[in-house]
């Protein structure tokens, strides 16, 4: 516990020293998001509540915290928020379909022995639970890409107010292409970093490549990465179109 407190203090000091007031707000947002997720878990634990509805509410609140609480309310954050919400809703239906189709919900055979003493009848759909896990894993990356596109687009518009909507959209796509590769690779290496022990265990158990690929644990994590990558790819055109519309619409109204 002392180590966690010391690391939290070091993180807070680093964020405040480098980011100033915004760094302190960003640090506070971490705890707010943690409380939101904790509350969402408690609400989903009630069999009478729909897990998908609560994860949508949680993503809505997390997006508000990450965008409006940290960066304020302006054209950039509004466009990023709308883009995030649209992308997450579209992605949610796709993820639910994929988790049901691929049957990655529940526990893998590597986990059964450890859970054999517990009852799995918890009153929650494991398909919904798997979809919720993937959605929560992708919300941060999608929000980050959205604000990373809308903010430069606003700067492009302010420095060239006569730019047309199509040219502004093209600029957004150009920015998104530069972010697409690095963001998807970040998700990929985050998976291998967090599951390196599992991969070593697969090797010690003499799993073949086919066994590893068809393992439910490995497949679930790979589907999470692929769905997150799809969400990142989707948010690029959505945020480009919405930002260009909002910026040029203000100019037309004037």
Protein backbone atom coordinates (compact mmCIF):
# COMPACT_ATOMS: atom_id res chain seq x y z
CA UNK A 1 0.00 0.00 0.00
CA UNK A 2 2.84 2.41 0.82
CA UNK A 3 4.36 1.79 -2.60
CA UNK A 4 1.04 2.62 -4.29
CA UNK A 5 0.76 5.87 -2.34
CA UNK A 6 4.34 6.87 -3.14
CA UNK A 7 3.85 6.13 -6.85
CA UNK A 8 0.56 8.05 -6.88
CA UNK A 9 2.27 11.04 -5.26
CA UNK A 10 5.13 10.86 -7.77
CA UNK A 11 2.63 10.73 -10.65
CA UNK A 12 0.72 13.68 -9.25
CA UNK A 13 3.89 15.74 -8.80
CA UNK A 14 5.07 14.91 -12.31
CA UNK A 15 1.73 15.85 -13.87
CA UNK A 16 1.50 19.09 -11.89
CA UNK A 17 5.10 20.12 -12.57
CA UNK A 18 4.76 19.52 -16.31
CA UNK A 19 1.08 20.28 -16.91
CA UNK A 20 0.40 22.84 -14.20
CA UNK A 21 -3.29 23.31 -13.46
CA UNK A 22 -4.35 21.07 -16.32
CA UNK A 23 -1.98 18.38 -15.05
CA UNK A 24 -3.64 18.51 -11.63
CA UNK A 25 -7.08 18.28 -13.24
CA UNK A 26 -5.92 15.34 -15.34
CA UNK A 27 -4.67 13.56 -12.23
CA UNK A 28 -8.01 14.17 -10.50
CA UNK A 29 -9.84 12.80 -13.54
CA UNK A 30 -8.10 9.45 -13.04
CA UNK A 31 -9.80 9.01 -9.67
CA UNK A 32 -13.14 10.21 -11.02
CA UNK A 33 -12.97 7.65 -13.82
CA UNK A 34 -12.02 4.96 -11.30
CA UNK A 35 -15.06 5.79 -9.19
CA UNK A 36 -17.29 5.75 -12.27
CA UNK A 37 -16.03 2.31 -13.26
CA UNK A 38 -16.36 1.03 -9.69
CA UNK A 39 -19.95 2.27 -9.50
CA UNK A 40 -20.68 0.71 -12.90
CA UNK A 41 -19.37 -2.67 -11.72
CA UNK A 42 -21.65 -2.55 -8.66
CA UNK A 43 -24.65 -1.66 -10.81
CA UNK A 44 -23.92 -4.41 -13.34
CA UNK A 45 -23.64 -6.93 -10.50
CA UNK A 46 -27.39 -6.54 -9.99
CA UNK A 47 -29.12 -9.14 -12.20
CA UNK A 48 -32.03 -6.74 -12.74
CA UNK A 49 -29.78 -4.21 -14.50
CA UNK A 50 -28.71 -4.41 -18.13
CA UNK A 51 -24.92 -4.42 -18.36
CA UNK A 52 -24.87 -2.86 -21.83
CA UNK A 53 -27.00 0.08 -20.72
CA UNK A 54 -24.73 0.77 -17.78
CA UNK A 55 -21.56 0.59 -19.85
CA UNK A 56 -23.04 3.14 -22.27
CA UNK A 57 -23.77 5.43 -19.33
CA UNK A 58 -20.25 4.87 -17.97
CA UNK A 59 -18.66 5.64 -21.36
CA UNK A 60 -20.80 8.77 -21.60
CA UNK A 61 -19.59 10.00 -18.20
CA UNK A 62 -15.97 9.00 -18.83
CA UNK A 63 -16.01 10.88 -22.14
CA UNK A 64 -17.39 13.97 -20.38
CA UNK A 65 -14.66 13.76 -17.73
CA UNK A 66 -11.82 13.17 -20.21
CA UNK A 67 -12.97 15.91 -22.58
CA UNK A 68 -15.00 18.60 -20.81
CA UNK A 69 -13.57 18.34 -17.29
CA UNK A 70 -9.97 18.44 -18.48
CA UNK A 71 -10.18 20.66 -21.57
CA UNK A 72 -13.34 22.69 -20.99
CA UNK A 73 -16.34 23.09 -23.26
CA UNK A 74 -15.44 24.34 -26.73
CA UNK A 75 -15.83 23.35 -30.35
CA UNK A 76 -12.93 20.90 -30.09
CA UNK A 77 -14.25 18.96 -27.11
CA UNK A 78 -17.85 19.03 -28.34
CA UNK A 79 -16.83 17.55 -31.69
CA UNK A 80 -14.63 14.95 -29.96
CA UNK A 81 -17.44 14.03 -27.56
CA UNK A 82 -20.05 13.58 -30.29
CA UNK A 83 -17.59 11.55 -32.35
CA UNK A 84 -16.76 9.33 -29.38
CA UNK A 85 -20.41 8.67 -28.51
CA UNK A 86 -21.35 7.81 -32.12
CA UNK A 87 -18.34 5.52 -32.50
CA UNK A 88 -18.97 3.73 -29.20
CA UNK A 89 -22.64 3.09 -29.99
CA UNK A 90 -21.81 1.67 -33.42
CA UNK A 91 -18.95 -0.35 -31.96
CA UNK A 92 -21.08 -1.69 -29.12
CA UNK A 93 -23.49 -3.47 -31.46
CA UNK A 94 -20.59 -4.84 -33.50
CA UNK A 95 -18.74 -6.06 -30.41
CA UNK A 96 -21.85 -7.72 -28.98
CA UNK A 97 -22.37 -9.55 -32.28
CA UNK A 98 -18.72 -10.64 -32.40
CA UNK A 99 -18.62 -11.90 -28.80
CA UNK A 100 -21.76 -13.94 -29.42
CA UNK A 101 -20.49 -15.26 -32.76
CA UNK A 102 -16.98 -16.18 -31.62
CA UNK A 103 -18.12 -17.55 -28.21
CA UNK A 104 -15.27 -15.90 -26.31
CA UNK A 105 -17.48 -15.12 -23.32
CA UNK A 106 -16.91 -16.96 -20.07
CA UNK A 107 -13.68 -18.54 -18.87
CA UNK A 108 -11.06 -20.55 -20.71
CA UNK A 109 -10.02 -24.05 -19.77
CA UNK A 110 -6.82 -22.63 -18.24
CA UNK A 111 -8.98 -20.80 -15.67
CA UNK A 112 -11.50 -23.54 -14.88
CA UNK A 113 -9.41 -25.30 -12.22
CA UNK A 114 -8.97 -22.11 -10.21
CA UNK A 115 -12.70 -21.31 -10.38
CA UNK A 116 -14.03 -24.82 -9.84
CA UNK A 117 -14.90 -24.07 -6.22
CA UNK A 118 -17.05 -21.05 -7.17
CA UNK A 119 -20.49 -20.91 -8.72
CA UNK A 120 -20.69 -19.39 -12.19
CA UNK A 121 -24.43 -18.69 -11.91
CA UNK A 122 -24.04 -14.99 -11.11
CA UNK A 123 -27.15 -13.82 -12.94
CA UNK A 124 -25.24 -11.87 -15.61
CA UNK A 125 -24.98 -12.73 -19.28
CA UNK A 126 -21.37 -13.61 -20.02
CA UNK A 127 -21.85 -12.41 -23.60
CA UNK A 128 -22.85 -8.97 -22.33
CA UNK A 129 -20.00 -9.05 -19.83
CA UNK A 130 -17.45 -9.83 -22.56
CA UNK A 131 -18.83 -6.97 -24.68
CA UNK A 132 -18.61 -4.63 -21.68
CA UNK A 133 -14.96 -5.55 -21.07
CA UNK A 134 -14.03 -4.81 -24.69
CA UNK A 135 -15.94 -1.50 -24.71
CA UNK A 136 -14.26 -0.29 -21.52
CA UNK A 137 -10.88 -1.34 -22.94
CA UNK A 138 -11.42 0.81 -26.04
CA UNK A 139 -13.05 3.98 -24.67
CA UNK A 140 -9.75 5.58 -23.69
CA UNK A 141 -8.11 5.02 -27.07
CA UNK A 142 -11.14 6.29 -28.99
CA UNK A 143 -11.43 9.43 -26.88
CA UNK A 144 -7.71 10.09 -27.29
CA UNK A 145 -7.87 9.77 -31.07
CA UNK A 146 -10.97 11.96 -31.27
CA UNK A 147 -9.41 14.88 -29.37
CA UNK A 148 -6.12 14.39 -31.23
CA UNK A 149 -7.96 14.99 -34.51
CA UNK A 150 -10.40 17.73 -33.54
CA UNK A 151 -7.81 19.93 -31.83
CA UNK A 152 -5.41 20.21 -34.82
CA UNK A 153 -8.39 20.69 -37.14
CA UNK A 154 -9.50 23.68 -35.12
CA UNK A 155 -6.00 25.15 -35.33
CA UNK A 156 -5.99 24.60 -39.10
CA UNK A 157 -9.33 26.40 -39.36
CA UNK A 158 -8.31 29.33 -37.14
CA UNK A 159 -5.10 29.90 -39.14
CA UNK A 160 -6.93 29.52 -42.44
CA UNK A 161 -10.55 30.61 -41.88
CA UNK A 162 -11.28 30.60 -45.60
CA UNK A 163 -10.66 26.86 -45.94
CA UNK A 164 -13.53 24.87 -47.43
CA UNK A 165 -15.31 22.07 -45.61
CA UNK A 166 -13.92 19.39 -47.96
CA UNK A 167 -10.37 20.65 -47.47
CA UNK A 168 -10.86 20.65 -43.71
CA UNK A 169 -12.14 17.08 -43.83
CA UNK A 170 -9.10 16.12 -45.91
CA UNK A 171 -6.85 17.68 -43.26
CA UNK A 172 -8.61 15.64 -40.56
CA UNK A 173 -8.07 12.43 -42.53
CA UNK A 174 -4.39 13.31 -42.98
CA UNK A 175 -4.00 13.82 -39.23
CA UNK A 176 -5.85 10.58 -38.52
CA UNK A 177 -3.64 8.55 -40.84
CA UNK A 178 -0.58 9.65 -38.89
CA UNK A 179 -2.21 8.55 -35.63
CA UNK A 180 -3.71 5.30 -36.87
CA UNK A 181 -0.54 3.23 -37.03
CA UNK A 182 0.95 4.33 -33.73
CA UNK A 183 -2.34 3.92 -31.83
CA UNK A 184 -3.03 0.40 -33.07
CA UNK A 185 0.56 -0.61 -32.33
CA UNK A 186 0.19 0.81 -28.82
CA UNK A 187 -2.80 -1.47 -28.21
CA UNK A 188 -0.93 -4.42 -29.67
CA UNK A 189 2.15 -4.01 -27.48
CA UNK A 190 0.01 -3.29 -24.41
CA UNK A 191 -1.56 -6.73 -24.90
CA UNK A 192 1.76 -8.53 -25.22
CA UNK A 193 3.16 -6.62 -22.28
CA UNK A 194 0.29 -7.51 -19.96
CA UNK A 195 -0.02 -11.12 -21.17
CA UNK A 196 3.64 -12.00 -21.54
CA UNK A 197 3.39 -14.35 -18.57
CA UNK A 198 0.47 -16.16 -20.21
CA UNK A 199 2.43 -16.61 -23.43
CA UNK A 200 5.38 -18.03 -21.49
CA UNK A 201 2.96 -20.39 -19.73
CA UNK A 202 1.64 -21.52 -23.11
CA UNK A 203 5.21 -22.33 -24.12
CA UNK A 204 5.88 -24.29 -20.91
CA UNK A 205 2.70 -26.29 -21.54
CA UNK A 206 4.00 -27.10 -25.05
CA UNK A 207 1.07 -25.42 -26.75
CA UNK A 208 1.31 -25.44 -30.52
CA UNK A 209 0.65 -22.28 -32.50
CA UNK A 210 -2.81 -23.60 -33.33
CA UNK A 211 -3.55 -24.27 -29.65
CA UNK A 212 -2.50 -20.73 -28.73
CA UNK A 213 -4.56 -19.09 -31.46
CA UNK A 214 -7.63 -21.15 -30.56
CA UNK A 215 -7.26 -20.59 -26.82
CA UNK A 216 -10.25 -18.65 -25.50
CA UNK A 217 -8.06 -16.34 -23.40
CA UNK A 218 -5.78 -15.48 -26.31
CA UNK A 219 -8.67 -15.13 -28.77
CA UNK A 220 -10.58 -12.85 -26.41
CA UNK A 221 -7.64 -10.49 -26.04
CA UNK A 222 -6.89 -10.47 -29.76
CA UNK A 223 -10.54 -9.69 -30.52
CA UNK A 224 -10.33 -6.85 -28.00
CA UNK A 225 -7.31 -5.42 -29.84
CA UNK A 226 -8.95 -5.82 -33.24
CA UNK A 227 -12.21 -4.22 -32.08
CA UNK A 228 -10.28 -1.35 -30.54
CA UNK A 229 -8.41 -0.93 -33.81
CA UNK A 230 -11.71 -0.85 -35.69
CA UNK A 231 -12.99 1.78 -33.27
CA UNK A 232 -9.87 3.89 -33.82
CA UNK A 233 -10.29 3.60 -37.58
CA UNK A 234 -14.00 4.52 -37.36
CA UNK A 235 -13.52 7.58 -35.17
CA UNK A 236 -11.15 9.20 -37.68
CA UNK A 237 -13.72 9.87 -40.44
CA UNK A 238 -16.51 10.52 -37.93
CA UNK A 239 -14.53 13.14 -35.99
CA UNK A 240 -13.24 14.70 -39.24
CA UNK A 241 -16.74 15.12 -40.66
CA UNK A 242 -18.30 16.37 -37.42
CA UNK A 243 -15.49 18.84 -36.67
CA UNK A 244 -15.51 20.22 -40.21
CA UNK A 245 -19.30 20.60 -40.05
CA UNK A 246 -19.27 22.41 -36.69
CA UNK A 247 -16.46 24.78 -37.63
CA UNK A 248 -17.80 25.72 -41.06
CA UNK A 249 -21.37 25.91 -39.76
CA UNK A 250 -20.34 28.60 -37.29
CA UNK A 251 -18.75 30.52 -40.17
CA UNK A 252 -21.96 30.21 -42.25
CA UNK A 253 -24.13 31.39 -39.37
CA UNK A 254 -21.95 34.46 -38.97
